[in-house]
């Protein structure tokens, strides 16, 4: 398990585990900031990977045109990678949107003073 995953697990348990004592206003704010930052890092990393796949697809397409060897196979493979890129970006955007919606729908109540 990655350090990032352990940290995310701790944050999510602290924020969304209703059996524990509330974190207090400062703790809730800090946990919310960390959870949002980790979600944005996931989104940016996923988009970077998708762009890398697009670069691979473009490179394969250029090679197919230049070499004129197996152009159909390279074209199909490049097109499939392009479709995969678009689907990955859509999937990550939907996942990020659902996480934000869940966080808004389940706010953390500050502890009573």
C-alpha atoms as a PDB file:
ATOM      1  CA  UNK A   1       0.000   0.000   0.000  1.00  0.00           C
ATOM      2  CA  UNK A   2       1.367   3.369  -1.031  1.00  0.00           C
ATOM      3  CA  UNK A   3       1.949   6.167   1.483  1.00  0.00           C
ATOM      4  CA  UNK A   4      -0.569   8.259  -0.467  1.00  0.00           C
ATOM      5  CA  UNK A   5      -3.194   5.526  -0.117  1.00  0.00           C
ATOM      6  CA  UNK A   6      -2.613   5.175   3.630  1.00  0.00           C
ATOM      7  CA  UNK A   7      -2.844   8.937   4.104  1.00  0.00           C
ATOM      8  CA  UNK A   8      -6.018   9.103   2.011  1.00  0.00           C
ATOM      9  CA  UNK A   9      -7.500   6.225   4.024  1.00  0.00           C
ATOM     10  CA  UNK A  10      -6.764   7.981   7.310  1.00  0.00           C
ATOM     11  CA  UNK A  11      -8.254  11.223   6.063  1.00  0.00           C
ATOM     12  CA  UNK A  12     -11.399   9.550   4.758  1.00  0.00           C
ATOM     13  CA  UNK A  13     -11.858   7.573   7.975  1.00  0.00           C
ATOM     14  CA  UNK A  14     -11.371  10.715  10.036  1.00  0.00           C
ATOM     15  CA  UNK A  15     -13.769  12.751   7.922  1.00  0.00           C
ATOM     16  CA  UNK A  16     -16.513  10.244   7.112  1.00  0.00           C
ATOM     17  CA  UNK A  17     -16.492   7.809  10.056  1.00  0.00           C
ATOM     18  CA  UNK A  18     -19.543   8.825  12.064  1.00  0.00           C
ATOM     19  CA  UNK A  19     -18.747   6.503  14.986  1.00  0.00           C
ATOM     20  CA  UNK A  20     -15.777   8.644  16.002  1.00  0.00           C
ATOM     21  CA  UNK A  21     -15.845  11.924  17.826  1.00  0.00           C
ATOM     22  CA  UNK A  22     -16.130  14.983  15.567  1.00  0.00           C
ATOM     23  CA  UNK A  23     -12.801  16.528  14.627  1.00  0.00           C
ATOM     24  CA  UNK A  24     -13.583  20.062  15.609  1.00  0.00           C
ATOM     25  CA  UNK A  25     -13.759  22.982  13.208  1.00  0.00           C
ATOM     26  CA  UNK A  26     -10.017  23.300  12.565  1.00  0.00           C
ATOM     27  CA  UNK A  27      -9.569  19.547  12.152  1.00  0.00           C
ATOM     28  CA  UNK A  28     -12.546  19.288   9.815  1.00  0.00           C
ATOM     29  CA  UNK A  29     -11.242  22.157   7.708  1.00  0.00           C
ATOM     30  CA  UNK A  30      -7.753  20.601   7.508  1.00  0.00           C
ATOM     31  CA  UNK A  31      -9.149  17.182   6.585  1.00  0.00           C
ATOM     32  CA  UNK A  32     -11.361  18.740   3.911  1.00  0.00           C
ATOM     33  CA  UNK A  33      -8.408  20.615   2.412  1.00  0.00           C
ATOM     34  CA  UNK A  34      -6.275  17.446   2.350  1.00  0.00           C
ATOM     35  CA  UNK A  35      -9.053  15.349   0.810  1.00  0.00           C
ATOM     36  CA  UNK A  36      -9.628  17.980  -1.877  1.00  0.00           C
ATOM     37  CA  UNK A  37      -5.911  18.232  -2.618  1.00  0.00           C
ATOM     38  CA  UNK A  38      -5.575  14.463  -2.983  1.00  0.00           C
ATOM     39  CA  UNK A  39      -8.587  14.396  -5.321  1.00  0.00           C
ATOM     40  CA  UNK A  40      -7.054  17.107  -7.500  1.00  0.00           C
ATOM     41  CA  UNK A  41      -3.713  15.269  -7.575  1.00  0.00           C
ATOM     42  CA  UNK A  42      -5.551  12.124  -8.750  1.00  0.00           C
ATOM     43  CA  UNK A  43      -7.305  14.092 -11.482  1.00  0.00           C
ATOM     44  CA  UNK A  44      -4.119  15.802 -12.690  1.00  0.00           C
ATOM     45  CA  UNK A  45      -2.184  12.520 -12.681  1.00  0.00           C
ATOM     46  CA  UNK A  46      -4.933  10.784 -14.648  1.00  0.00           C
ATOM     47  CA  UNK A  47      -5.074  13.561 -17.240  1.00  0.00           C
ATOM     48  CA  UNK A  48      -1.279  13.393 -17.567  1.00  0.00           C
ATOM     49  CA  UNK A  49      -1.476   9.668 -18.216  1.00  0.00           C
ATOM     50  CA  UNK A  50      -4.224  10.227 -20.768  1.00  0.00           C
ATOM     51  CA  UNK A  51      -2.126  12.819 -22.571  1.00  0.00           C
ATOM     52  CA  UNK A  52       0.773  10.364 -22.621  1.00  0.00           C
ATOM     53  CA  UNK A  53      -1.514   7.801 -24.292  1.00  0.00           C
ATOM     54  CA  UNK A  54      -2.520  10.468 -26.827  1.00  0.00           C
ATOM     55  CA  UNK A  55       1.143  11.119 -27.564  1.00  0.00           C
ATOM     56  CA  UNK A  56       1.727   7.414 -28.125  1.00  0.00           C
ATOM     57  CA  UNK A  57      -1.272   7.235 -30.461  1.00  0.00           C
ATOM     58  CA  UNK A  58      -0.069  10.267 -32.434  1.00  0.00           C
ATOM     59  CA  UNK A  59       3.439   8.823 -32.672  1.00  0.00           C
ATOM     60  CA  UNK A  60       2.094   5.507 -33.950  1.00  0.00           C
ATOM     61  CA  UNK A  61      -0.061   7.285 -36.514  1.00  0.00           C
ATOM     62  CA  UNK A  62       2.912   9.315 -37.800  1.00  0.00           C
ATOM     63  CA  UNK A  63       5.050   6.181 -38.004  1.00  0.00           C
ATOM     64  CA  UNK A  64       2.310   4.424 -39.967  1.00  0.00           C
ATOM     65  CA  UNK A  65       2.086   7.253 -42.492  1.00  0.00           C
ATOM     66  CA  UNK A  66       5.865   7.624 -42.843  1.00  0.00           C
ATOM     67  CA  UNK A  67       6.637   3.938 -43.150  1.00  0.00           C
ATOM     68  CA  UNK A  68       3.414   2.991 -44.957  1.00  0.00           C
ATOM     69  CA  UNK A  69       3.752  -0.439 -43.391  1.00  0.00           C
ATOM     70  CA  UNK A  70       0.765  -1.925 -41.629  1.00  0.00           C
ATOM     71  CA  UNK A  71      -0.962   1.449 -41.724  1.00  0.00           C
ATOM     72  CA  UNK A  72      -4.332  -0.135 -41.034  1.00  0.00           C
ATOM     73  CA  UNK A  73      -3.101  -1.901 -37.900  1.00  0.00           C
ATOM     74  CA  UNK A  74      -1.358   1.223 -36.612  1.00  0.00           C
ATOM     75  CA  UNK A  75      -4.404   3.340 -37.437  1.00  0.00           C
ATOM     76  CA  UNK A  76      -6.752   1.024 -35.580  1.00  0.00           C
ATOM     77  CA  UNK A  77      -4.409   0.829 -32.592  1.00  0.00           C
ATOM     78  CA  UNK A  78      -3.883   4.600 -32.553  1.00  0.00           C
ATOM     79  CA  UNK A  79      -7.622   5.205 -32.806  1.00  0.00           C
ATOM     80  CA  UNK A  80      -8.273   2.792 -29.957  1.00  0.00           C
ATOM     81  CA  UNK A  81      -5.727   4.621 -27.803  1.00  0.00           C
ATOM     82  CA  UNK A  82      -7.397   7.922 -28.667  1.00  0.00           C
ATOM     83  CA  UNK A  83     -10.798   6.580 -27.629  1.00  0.00           C
ATOM     84  CA  UNK A  84      -9.250   5.185 -24.444  1.00  0.00           C
ATOM     85  CA  UNK A  85      -7.802   8.626 -23.724  1.00  0.00           C
ATOM     86  CA  UNK A  86     -11.176  10.335 -24.051  1.00  0.00           C
ATOM     87  CA  UNK A  87     -12.903   7.680 -21.940  1.00  0.00           C
ATOM     88  CA  UNK A  88     -10.211   7.983 -19.254  1.00  0.00           C
ATOM     89  CA  UNK A  89     -10.642  11.756 -19.044  1.00  0.00           C
ATOM     90  CA  UNK A  90     -14.440  11.405 -18.845  1.00  0.00           C
ATOM     91  CA  UNK A  91     -14.141   8.679 -16.183  1.00  0.00           C
ATOM     92  CA  UNK A  92     -11.788  10.793 -14.058  1.00  0.00           C
ATOM     93  CA  UNK A  93     -13.979  13.878 -14.385  1.00  0.00           C
ATOM     94  CA  UNK A  94     -17.075  11.907 -13.332  1.00  0.00           C
ATOM     95  CA  UNK A  95     -15.194  10.330 -10.414  1.00  0.00           C
ATOM     96  CA  UNK A  96     -13.917  13.712  -9.259  1.00  0.00           C
ATOM     97  CA  UNK A  97     -17.406  15.213  -9.569  1.00  0.00           C
ATOM     98  CA  UNK A  98     -18.963  12.397  -7.545  1.00  0.00           C
ATOM     99  CA  UNK A  99     -16.339  12.786  -4.820  1.00  0.00           C
ATOM    100  CA  UNK A 100     -17.061  16.524  -4.607  1.00  0.00           C
ATOM    101  CA  UNK A 101     -20.817  15.883  -4.525  1.00  0.00           C
ATOM    102  CA  UNK A 102     -20.382  13.331  -1.736  1.00  0.00           C
ATOM    103  CA  UNK A 103     -18.219  15.735   0.256  1.00  0.00           C
ATOM    104  CA  UNK A 104     -20.828  18.494  -0.129  1.00  0.00           C
ATOM    105  CA  UNK A 105     -23.687  16.175   0.808  1.00  0.00           C
ATOM    106  CA  UNK A 106     -21.907  14.869   3.917  1.00  0.00           C
ATOM    107  CA  UNK A 107     -20.341  17.891   5.600  1.00  0.00           C
ATOM    108  CA  UNK A 108     -18.308  17.345   8.739  1.00  0.00           C
ATOM    109  CA  UNK A 109     -19.948  18.876  11.769  1.00  0.00           C
ATOM    110  CA  UNK A 110     -17.556  20.766  14.063  1.00  0.00           C
ATOM    111  CA  UNK A 111     -17.312  19.563  17.645  1.00  0.00           C
ATOM    112  CA  UNK A 112     -19.318  21.464  20.207  1.00  0.00           C
ATOM    113  CA  UNK A 113     -17.207  23.695  22.411  1.00  0.00           C
END
